[in-house]
N, C-alpha and C. Protein backbone atom coordinates (compact mmCIF):
# COMPACT_ATOMS: atom_id res chain seq x y z
N MET A 1 0.82 -1.42 0.07
CA MET A 1 0.05 0.19 0.06
C MET A 1 0.58 1.32 -0.03
N LEU A 2 0.83 1.88 -0.95
CA LEU A 2 1.37 3.19 -0.88
C LEU A 2 0.71 4.44 0.29
N CYS A 3 1.89 5.37 0.34
CA CYS A 3 1.22 6.63 1.35
C CYS A 3 0.81 7.22 0.80
N GLU A 4 -0.47 7.77 1.78
CA GLU A 4 -1.47 8.78 1.39
C GLU A 4 -0.50 9.88 0.74
N ASN A 5 -0.04 10.11 1.65
CA ASN A 5 0.52 11.45 1.34
C ASN A 5 1.45 12.26 0.24
N CYS A 6 2.71 11.23 0.07
CA CYS A 6 3.42 11.26 -1.15
C CYS A 6 3.16 10.16 -2.26
N GLN A 7 2.11 9.61 -2.03
CA GLN A 7 1.94 8.59 -3.16
C GLN A 7 3.26 7.80 -3.94
N GLN A 8 4.47 7.31 -3.07
CA GLN A 8 5.61 7.38 -3.89
C GLN A 8 6.58 5.86 -3.02
N LYS A 9 6.30 6.21 -1.57
CA LYS A 9 6.79 5.11 -0.53
C LYS A 9 5.76 4.22 -0.25
N GLU A 10 5.97 3.41 0.21
CA GLU A 10 5.12 1.91 0.36
C GLU A 10 4.86 2.48 2.20
N ALA A 11 3.88 2.59 2.64
CA ALA A 11 3.12 3.07 3.73
C ALA A 11 3.44 2.02 5.19
N THR A 12 4.29 2.69 5.93
CA THR A 12 4.79 1.50 6.99
C THR A 12 3.89 1.92 8.39
N LEU A 13 3.43 2.75 8.26
CA LEU A 13 2.17 3.18 9.19
C LEU A 13 0.91 3.78 9.32
N HIS A 14 0.23 2.87 10.19
CA HIS A 14 -1.35 2.67 10.19
C HIS A 14 -1.45 3.01 10.73
N LEU A 15 -2.13 4.23 11.09
CA LEU A 15 -2.97 5.12 11.72
C LEU A 15 -4.65 5.34 11.90
N THR A 16 -5.34 4.76 12.97
CA THR A 16 -6.83 4.44 12.81
C THR A 16 -7.11 5.73 13.88
N GLN A 17 -8.29 6.80 13.72
CA GLN A 17 -8.57 7.92 14.53
C GLN A 17 -10.39 7.57 14.78
N VAL A 18 -10.78 7.78 15.68
CA VAL A 18 -12.00 7.57 15.83
C VAL A 18 -12.84 9.10 16.43
N VAL A 19 -13.24 9.49 16.17
CA VAL A 19 -13.77 11.22 16.30
C VAL A 19 -15.40 10.77 16.71
N ASN A 20 -15.95 10.88 17.52
CA ASN A 20 -17.56 11.12 17.80
C ASN A 20 -17.97 9.78 16.94
N GLY A 21 -17.35 8.67 17.00
CA GLY A 21 -18.04 7.42 16.31
C GLY A 21 -17.96 7.56 14.98
N GLU A 22 -17.05 8.21 14.17
CA GLU A 22 -16.78 8.78 13.01
C GLU A 22 -14.77 7.78 12.83
N VAL A 23 -14.88 6.84 12.70
CA VAL A 23 -13.63 6.11 12.42
C VAL A 23 -12.96 6.83 10.93
N THR A 24 -12.05 6.92 10.90
CA THR A 24 -10.27 7.98 9.98
C THR A 24 -9.48 6.70 10.35
N LYS A 25 -8.90 6.20 8.71
CA LYS A 25 -7.74 5.44 8.64
C LYS A 25 -7.15 6.35 7.61
N CYS A 26 -5.47 6.88 7.94
CA CYS A 26 -4.04 7.02 7.25
C CYS A 26 -3.40 5.85 7.15
N HIS A 27 -2.39 6.27 6.03
CA HIS A 27 -1.47 5.24 5.98
C HIS A 27 -0.55 6.10 5.33
N LEU A 28 0.61 5.92 5.88
CA LEU A 28 1.75 7.03 5.99
C LEU A 28 3.07 6.29 5.71
N CYS A 29 4.00 6.71 5.27
CA CYS A 29 5.21 6.17 5.02
C CYS A 29 6.41 6.70 6.03
N GLU A 30 7.15 6.47 6.64
CA GLU A 30 8.11 6.97 7.67
C GLU A 30 8.60 8.17 7.53
N SER A 31 9.31 8.73 6.11
CA SER A 31 9.67 10.45 5.79
C SER A 31 8.06 11.31 5.95
N CYS A 32 6.82 10.81 5.66
CA CYS A 32 5.98 11.56 5.66
C CYS A 32 5.48 11.62 7.11
N ALA A 33 5.45 10.63 8.01
CA ALA A 33 5.19 10.55 9.38
C ALA A 33 5.88 11.77 10.26
N ILE A 34 7.26 11.32 10.29
CA ILE A 34 8.33 12.21 10.91
C ILE A 34 7.95 13.47 10.42
N SER A 35 7.47 14.03 9.41
CA SER A 35 7.43 15.13 8.23
C SER A 35 6.04 15.85 9.17
N LYS A 36 5.34 14.98 9.83
CA LYS A 36 3.52 15.49 10.13
C LYS A 36 3.94 15.20 11.64
N GLY A 37 5.15 15.47 12.00
CA GLY A 37 5.63 15.08 13.86
C GLY A 37 4.54 13.90 14.66
N ILE A 38 4.85 12.43 13.64
CA ILE A 38 4.76 11.78 14.91
C ILE A 38 5.75 10.63 15.10
N ASP A 39 6.11 10.51 16.64
CA ASP A 39 7.03 9.75 16.50
C ASP A 39 7.41 8.16 15.84
N VAL A 40 7.54 7.44 14.68
CA VAL A 40 7.24 6.53 14.15
C VAL A 40 8.45 5.61 15.20
N HIS A 41 9.00 5.84 16.04
CA HIS A 41 9.80 5.16 16.78
C HIS A 41 9.64 4.95 18.39
N ALA A 42 8.15 5.41 18.49
CA ALA A 42 7.60 4.67 19.57
C ALA A 42 6.88 3.67 20.05
N THR A 43 6.62 3.19 21.00
CA THR A 43 6.48 1.85 21.05
C THR A 43 5.09 1.55 21.49
N PRO A 44 4.46 0.87 20.12
CA PRO A 44 3.25 0.49 20.30
C PRO A 44 2.40 -0.45 21.53
N LEU A 45 1.10 0.18 21.22
CA LEU A 45 0.92 -0.07 22.68
C LEU A 45 0.28 -1.64 22.23
N ASP A 46 -0.05 -2.31 23.14
CA ASP A 46 -0.16 -3.78 22.88
C ASP A 46 -1.79 -3.74 23.69
N LEU A 47 -2.95 -3.37 22.65
CA LEU A 47 -4.03 -3.53 23.08
C LEU A 47 -4.76 -4.88 24.07
N GLY A 48 -4.12 -5.85 23.71
CA GLY A 48 -4.55 -7.10 24.72
C GLY A 48 -3.84 -7.17 25.48
N ASP A 49 -2.65 -6.58 26.22
CA ASP A 49 -1.87 -6.90 27.06
C ASP A 49 -2.84 -5.42 27.74
N MET A 50 -3.08 -4.28 27.64
CA MET A 50 -4.09 -3.59 27.56
C MET A 50 -5.18 -3.44 28.46
N LEU A 51 -5.90 -4.55 27.62
CA LEU A 51 -7.91 -4.61 28.68
C LEU A 51 -7.57 -5.45 29.68
N LYS A 52 -5.78 -6.98 29.24
CA LYS A 52 -5.97 -7.95 30.63
C LYS A 52 -5.78 -7.05 31.54
N ASN A 53 -4.34 -6.30 31.69
CA ASN A 53 -4.21 -4.85 33.15
C ASN A 53 -5.51 -4.85 33.28
N LEU A 54 -6.36 -3.82 32.48
CA LEU A 54 -7.44 -3.38 33.15
C LEU A 54 -8.44 -4.14 33.51
N LYS A 55 -8.71 -5.69 33.31
CA LYS A 55 -9.60 -6.83 34.23
C LYS A 55 -8.97 -7.13 35.34
N GLU A 56 -7.40 -7.06 35.29
CA GLU A 56 -6.65 -7.79 36.47
C GLU A 56 -6.68 -6.63 37.88
N LYS A 57 -6.67 -5.23 37.35
CA LYS A 57 -6.69 -4.30 38.47
C LYS A 57 -8.05 -3.49 38.47
N LEU A 58 -8.89 -4.04 37.73
CA LEU A 58 -10.59 -4.13 38.21
C LEU A 58 -11.00 -4.83 38.86
N ALA A 59 -10.46 -5.94 39.02
CA ALA A 59 -10.79 -7.24 39.67
C ALA A 59 -10.23 -7.43 40.97
N GLN A 60 -9.22 -6.29 40.91
CA GLN A 60 -8.92 -5.98 42.77
C GLN A 60 -8.97 -5.45 43.50
N VAL A 61 -9.74 -4.14 42.65
CA VAL A 61 -10.67 -3.36 43.41
C VAL A 61 -12.19 -3.22 43.44
N GLN A 62 -12.60 -3.92 43.06
CA GLN A 62 -13.70 -4.45 42.98
C GLN A 62 -14.11 -5.58 44.35
N PRO A 63 -15.27 -5.29 44.94
CA PRO A 63 -15.39 -6.20 46.73
C PRO A 63 -15.64 -7.86 46.26
N LYS A 64 -15.20 -8.56 46.65
CA LYS A 64 -14.92 -9.97 46.36
C LYS A 64 -16.56 -10.53 46.58
N PRO A 65 -16.82 -11.70 45.70
CA PRO A 65 -18.35 -11.63 46.41
C PRO A 65 -19.09 -12.00 47.93
N SER A 66 -17.88 -12.40 48.97
CA SER A 66 -18.33 -12.55 50.38
C SER A 66 -18.64 -10.58 50.50
N ASP A 67 -17.84 -9.75 50.52
CA ASP A 67 -18.56 -7.96 50.45
C ASP A 67 -19.74 -7.61 49.92
N ALA A 68 -20.03 -6.50 50.08
CA ALA A 68 -21.01 -5.94 49.28
C ALA A 68 -21.21 -5.98 48.12
N PRO A 69 -22.61 -6.44 47.35
CA PRO A 69 -22.21 -6.67 45.72
C PRO A 69 -22.29 -5.34 45.08
N PRO A 70 -21.06 -5.41 44.15
CA PRO A 70 -20.96 -4.19 43.77
C PRO A 70 -21.74 -2.59 43.04
N ASP A 71 -22.16 -1.81 42.80
CA ASP A 71 -22.76 -1.16 42.89
C ASP A 71 -23.06 -0.95 40.87
N SER A 72 -24.05 -2.00 40.60
CA SER A 72 -23.87 -1.71 39.37
C SER A 72 -24.98 -0.99 38.98
N SER A 73 -25.40 -0.14 39.87
CA SER A 73 -26.30 0.63 39.07
C SER A 73 -25.55 2.02 38.54
N ALA A 74 -24.29 2.21 39.61
CA ALA A 74 -23.28 3.34 39.30
C ALA A 74 -23.32 3.57 37.60
N ALA A 75 -23.70 4.49 37.16
CA ALA A 75 -23.20 5.04 35.14
C ALA A 75 -23.09 6.25 35.24
N CYS A 76 -21.66 6.35 34.13
CA CYS A 76 -21.58 7.62 33.50
C CYS A 76 -22.62 8.68 33.55
N PRO A 77 -22.87 9.16 33.91
CA PRO A 77 -23.60 10.48 33.47
C PRO A 77 -23.81 10.79 32.09
N GLY A 78 -22.56 10.85 31.38
CA GLY A 78 -22.33 11.84 30.20
C GLY A 78 -22.98 10.35 28.81
N CYS A 79 -22.64 9.29 29.24
CA CYS A 79 -22.89 8.16 27.96
C CYS A 79 -23.56 6.88 28.76
N GLY A 80 -23.61 6.65 30.20
CA GLY A 80 -24.83 5.91 30.44
C GLY A 80 -24.00 4.86 31.00
N ALA A 81 -22.63 4.34 30.27
CA ALA A 81 -21.63 2.97 30.67
C ALA A 81 -21.83 2.68 32.06
N THR A 82 -22.11 1.28 32.25
CA THR A 82 -22.16 0.86 33.53
C THR A 82 -20.33 0.52 33.81
N ARG A 83 -20.40 -0.09 34.66
CA ARG A 83 -18.95 -0.60 34.95
C ARG A 83 -18.66 -2.02 34.28
N ALA A 84 -19.79 -2.39 34.63
CA ALA A 84 -20.22 -4.01 33.55
C ALA A 84 -19.66 -3.80 31.98
N GLU A 85 -20.37 -2.81 31.86
CA GLU A 85 -20.21 -2.59 30.29
C GLU A 85 -18.48 -1.92 29.87
N ILE A 86 -17.80 -1.52 31.01
CA ILE A 86 -16.87 -0.83 30.25
C ILE A 86 -15.88 -2.42 30.70
N LEU A 87 -16.30 -3.26 31.33
CA LEU A 87 -15.03 -4.27 31.42
C LEU A 87 -15.33 -5.10 30.49
N LYS A 88 -16.92 -5.39 29.78
CA LYS A 88 -17.19 -6.41 28.98
C LYS A 88 -16.39 -5.91 27.67
N LYS A 89 -16.83 -4.79 27.01
CA LYS A 89 -16.38 -3.46 26.41
C LYS A 89 -14.45 -3.54 26.13
N GLY A 90 -14.13 -3.25 27.37
CA GLY A 90 -12.71 -2.96 27.63
C GLY A 90 -12.13 -1.43 26.55
N ARG A 91 -13.40 -0.89 26.84
CA ARG A 91 -13.09 0.78 26.75
C ARG A 91 -13.98 1.39 27.29
N LEU A 92 -14.08 2.48 27.55
CA LEU A 92 -14.36 3.60 28.03
C LEU A 92 -15.35 4.19 27.35
N GLY A 93 -17.06 4.90 28.04
CA GLY A 93 -17.68 5.18 26.43
C GLY A 93 -17.78 6.76 26.15
N CYS A 94 -17.24 7.66 27.08
CA CYS A 94 -16.83 8.76 26.89
C CYS A 94 -15.55 9.50 28.11
N HIS A 95 -15.52 10.62 27.71
CA HIS A 95 -14.18 11.75 28.51
C HIS A 95 -15.20 11.35 29.99
N GLN A 96 -15.77 11.49 30.49
CA GLN A 96 -17.02 11.31 31.63
C GLN A 96 -16.38 10.48 32.51
N CYS A 97 -16.06 8.80 31.46
CA CYS A 97 -15.92 8.18 32.26
C CYS A 97 -14.65 7.69 33.27
N TYR A 98 -13.88 8.75 32.48
CA TYR A 98 -12.85 8.71 33.52
C TYR A 98 -12.88 9.32 35.02
N ASP A 99 -13.36 10.27 35.10
CA ASP A 99 -14.06 10.50 36.05
C ASP A 99 -15.00 9.90 36.94
N VAL A 100 -15.79 9.33 36.14
CA VAL A 100 -16.72 8.45 37.18
C VAL A 100 -15.82 7.24 37.92
N PHE A 101 -15.30 6.45 36.96
CA PHE A 101 -14.34 5.42 37.59
C PHE A 101 -13.12 5.38 37.46
N SER A 102 -12.90 6.84 37.84
CA SER A 102 -11.22 7.02 38.29
C SER A 102 -10.63 6.19 39.07
N ALA A 103 -10.98 5.72 40.29
CA ALA A 103 -10.19 4.70 40.94
C ALA A 103 -10.12 3.43 40.31
N GLU A 104 -11.30 3.09 39.42
CA GLU A 104 -10.51 1.84 39.45
C GLU A 104 -9.47 1.80 37.72
N ILE A 105 -9.81 3.11 36.84
CA ILE A 105 -8.83 2.99 35.65
C ILE A 105 -7.52 3.55 36.31
N LEU A 106 -7.15 4.60 37.17
CA LEU A 106 -5.95 5.03 37.22
C LEU A 106 -4.59 4.46 37.28
N PRO A 107 -5.45 3.24 38.52
CA PRO A 107 -3.67 2.30 38.47
C PRO A 107 -3.94 1.95 37.34
N VAL A 108 -4.65 1.53 36.31
CA VAL A 108 -4.41 0.69 35.13
C VAL A 108 -3.72 1.74 34.24
N VAL A 109 -4.04 2.73 33.89
CA VAL A 109 -2.95 4.26 33.29
C VAL A 109 -2.29 4.00 34.01
N ILE A 110 -1.48 4.14 35.15
CA ILE A 110 -0.33 4.19 35.90
C ILE A 110 0.74 3.18 35.25
N SER A 111 0.15 1.95 35.33
CA SER A 111 1.18 1.02 35.51
C SER A 111 1.30 0.66 33.34
N LEU A 112 0.94 1.24 33.02
CA LEU A 112 0.84 1.06 31.16
C LEU A 112 1.52 2.25 30.82
N GLN A 113 1.43 3.66 31.47
CA GLN A 113 2.35 5.05 31.15
C GLN A 113 2.95 5.16 31.74
N HIS A 114 3.01 4.68 33.30
CA HIS A 114 4.46 4.65 34.48
C HIS A 114 4.22 6.48 34.58
N ASN A 115 2.89 6.91 34.53
CA ASN A 115 2.73 8.30 34.32
C ASN A 115 0.96 8.35 34.30
N ASP A 116 0.43 9.36 35.22
CA ASP A 116 -1.12 9.58 35.38
C ASP A 116 -1.37 11.21 34.29
N GLN A 117 -0.43 11.33 33.59
CA GLN A 117 -0.67 12.49 32.66
C GLN A 117 -0.34 11.89 31.25
N HIS A 118 -1.34 12.56 30.38
CA HIS A 118 -1.37 12.36 29.10
C HIS A 118 0.22 13.16 28.58
N ALA A 119 0.79 12.29 27.63
CA ALA A 119 1.87 12.47 27.37
C ALA A 119 2.48 12.00 25.56
N GLY A 120 1.09 12.27 24.81
CA GLY A 120 1.27 12.42 23.49
C GLY A 120 1.22 13.36 22.96
N LYS A 121 0.30 13.29 21.43
CA LYS A 121 0.15 14.36 20.95
C LYS A 121 -0.93 15.37 21.41
N VAL A 122 -0.87 17.19 20.98
CA VAL A 122 -2.01 17.80 21.83
C VAL A 122 -2.48 18.23 20.51
N PRO A 123 -3.94 18.43 20.61
CA PRO A 123 -5.06 18.77 19.39
C PRO A 123 -4.48 19.87 19.01
N ARG A 124 -4.38 20.58 17.71
CA ARG A 124 -3.97 21.59 16.92
C ARG A 124 -5.34 23.02 17.80
N ARG A 125 -5.84 22.55 17.83
CA ARG A 125 -7.13 23.61 18.36
C ARG A 125 -6.96 23.68 19.90
N ALA A 126 -5.85 22.85 20.97
CA ALA A 126 -5.62 23.29 22.12
C ALA A 126 -5.16 24.55 22.63
N SER A 127 -5.47 25.56 23.80
CA SER A 127 -5.04 26.65 24.42
C SER A 127 -3.28 26.51 24.08
N ALA A 128 -2.67 27.61 24.08
CA ALA A 128 -1.33 27.92 23.99
C ALA A 128 -0.51 27.64 25.35
N HIS A 129 -2.06 27.28 26.26
CA HIS A 129 -0.74 27.45 27.53
C HIS A 129 -0.70 25.31 27.56
N LEU A 130 -2.12 25.01 27.11
CA LEU A 130 -1.43 23.29 27.23
C LEU A 130 -0.50 23.28 26.37
N LYS A 131 -0.42 23.56 25.30
CA LYS A 131 0.39 23.65 24.59
C LYS A 131 2.09 23.58 24.95
N THR A 132 2.19 24.88 25.48
CA THR A 132 3.41 25.09 26.21
C THR A 132 3.80 24.19 27.25
N SER A 133 2.84 23.91 28.18
CA SER A 133 2.72 23.01 29.18
C SER A 133 2.89 21.63 28.99
N VAL A 134 2.58 20.78 27.46
CA VAL A 134 3.01 19.70 26.89
C VAL A 134 4.16 19.56 26.55
N GLU A 135 4.74 21.19 25.95
CA GLU A 135 6.12 21.01 25.08
C GLU A 135 7.24 21.04 26.33
N SER A 136 6.91 21.94 27.77
CA SER A 136 7.75 21.68 28.77
C SER A 136 8.00 20.50 29.11
N ALA A 137 7.09 19.94 29.48
CA ALA A 137 7.02 18.41 30.13
C ALA A 137 7.91 17.83 28.79
N ARG A 138 7.71 17.51 27.54
CA ARG A 138 8.64 16.79 26.94
C ARG A 138 10.07 17.06 27.13
N LEU A 139 10.35 18.21 27.06
CA LEU A 139 11.88 19.21 27.32
C LEU A 139 12.29 18.22 28.37
N ARG A 140 11.29 18.09 29.62
CA ARG A 140 12.03 18.11 30.67
C ARG A 140 12.51 16.33 31.05
N ARG A 141 11.67 15.77 30.09
CA ARG A 141 12.47 14.12 29.66
C ARG A 141 12.97 14.07 29.23
N GLU A 142 13.27 15.09 27.96
CA GLU A 142 14.48 14.81 27.32
C GLU A 142 15.88 15.15 28.56
N LEU A 143 15.39 16.07 28.91
CA LEU A 143 16.39 16.22 29.93
C LEU A 143 16.81 15.63 30.99
N ASP A 144 15.97 14.69 31.58
CA ASP A 144 16.13 13.62 32.44
C ASP A 144 17.35 12.80 30.97
N LYS A 145 16.56 12.61 30.81
CA LYS A 145 17.33 11.48 29.79
C LYS A 145 19.13 11.87 29.10
N ALA A 146 19.13 13.34 29.03
CA ALA A 146 20.55 13.75 28.66
C ALA A 146 21.10 13.71 29.95
N ILE A 147 20.99 13.96 30.89
CA ILE A 147 21.32 14.05 32.25
C ILE A 147 21.65 12.83 32.64
N ALA A 148 20.82 11.60 32.53
CA ALA A 148 21.11 10.16 32.48
C ALA A 148 22.37 9.49 32.20
N SER A 149 22.43 9.76 30.48
CA SER A 149 23.61 9.44 29.91
C SER A 149 24.67 10.67 30.02
N GLU A 150 24.59 11.18 30.76
CA GLU A 150 25.64 12.10 31.20
C GLU A 150 26.51 13.20 29.92
N ASN A 151 25.41 13.43 28.89
CA ASN A 151 25.37 14.61 28.10
C ASN A 151 24.72 15.35 28.05
N TYR A 152 25.82 16.57 29.11
CA TYR A 152 25.67 17.87 29.94
C TYR A 152 25.45 18.61 28.87
N GLU A 153 26.04 18.64 27.86
CA GLU A 153 26.27 19.82 26.80
C GLU A 153 24.77 19.92 26.17
N GLN A 154 23.71 18.63 26.52
CA GLN A 154 22.82 18.97 25.35
C GLN A 154 22.01 18.85 26.71
N ALA A 155 22.11 18.69 28.12
CA ALA A 155 20.95 18.80 28.84
C ALA A 155 20.95 20.58 29.14
N ALA A 156 22.38 20.73 28.87
CA ALA A 156 22.23 22.73 29.20
C ALA A 156 21.54 23.39 27.74
N ALA A 157 21.42 22.74 27.22
CA ALA A 157 20.94 23.68 25.69
C ALA A 157 19.07 23.02 25.95
N LEU A 158 18.91 21.89 26.62
CA LEU A 158 17.62 21.61 27.09
C LEU A 158 16.91 22.46 27.87
N ARG A 159 17.90 22.79 29.27
CA ARG A 159 17.98 24.05 30.50
C ARG A 159 17.48 24.86 29.93
N ASP A 160 17.91 25.41 28.74
CA ASP A 160 17.86 26.91 28.48
C ASP A 160 16.93 27.00 27.45
N GLN A 161 16.07 25.95 26.78
CA GLN A 161 15.23 25.75 26.13
C GLN A 161 13.25 26.17 27.26
N ILE A 162 13.80 25.04 27.77
CA ILE A 162 12.25 25.44 29.30
C ILE A 162 12.62 26.84 29.49
N ARG A 163 13.94 27.33 30.35
CA ARG A 163 13.69 28.80 30.38
C ARG A 163 13.08 29.68 29.55
N ALA A 164 13.29 29.27 28.16
CA ALA A 164 13.02 30.35 27.14
C ALA A 164 11.40 30.01 27.20
N LEU A 165 10.29 28.65 27.28
CA LEU A 165 9.51 28.66 26.48
C LEU A 165 8.10 29.52 27.93
N GLN A 166 9.27 29.03 29.16
CA GLN A 166 8.78 29.76 30.80
C GLN A 166 8.39 31.01 30.35
N MET A 167 9.67 31.40 30.02
CA MET A 167 9.56 33.15 30.10
C MET A 167 8.54 33.26 29.33
N GLU A 168 8.55 33.10 28.16
CA GLU A 168 7.26 33.40 26.78
C GLU A 168 5.77 33.02 27.11
N ALA A 169 5.54 32.27 27.84
CA ALA A 169 4.90 31.24 28.14
C ALA A 169 3.29 32.19 28.70
N PRO A 170 2.26 32.08 27.81
CA PRO A 170 1.03 32.79 28.05
C PRO A 170 0.34 32.11 29.43
N SER A 171 -0.49 33.06 29.80
CA SER A 171 -1.31 32.87 31.44
C SER A 171 -2.48 31.84 30.78
N PRO A 172 -2.36 31.09 31.86
CA PRO A 172 -3.80 30.41 31.63
C PRO A 172 -4.76 30.87 31.49
């Protein structure tokens, strides 16, 4: 399959995006993906492992049969999804599910991403403050890596970039 962008090279990156239930697929070669700012060397998520971990973590926090029965009537006010439906489908119904079921979801997210904050791409329409915050966090992670690998020149340059970003950062 050829790259949808350049129509010359073989597509090696296949992206699927779901927005409001509408599925969009995009097939890109490595160079076009890089030019669009996509990290082609990122470790792909193993959905099977993620769902398995979610079920295990939810089983740990749910009461045992000898305890009080789980509140099966607890549902998300946004989409109406229940705990049982989320376990069955292996995915959340909407953004409000994160708040309603946060006690069950947060340990799974932390175990998978090693952080409770999103570290991926930021939508183009996001506020300048959010973009600055995400960029600053990315630079800090790079700074930590540079220090760990004793690359102090790169660390100093990253430190300066972080300072410059903070100086020009818009107020929230």
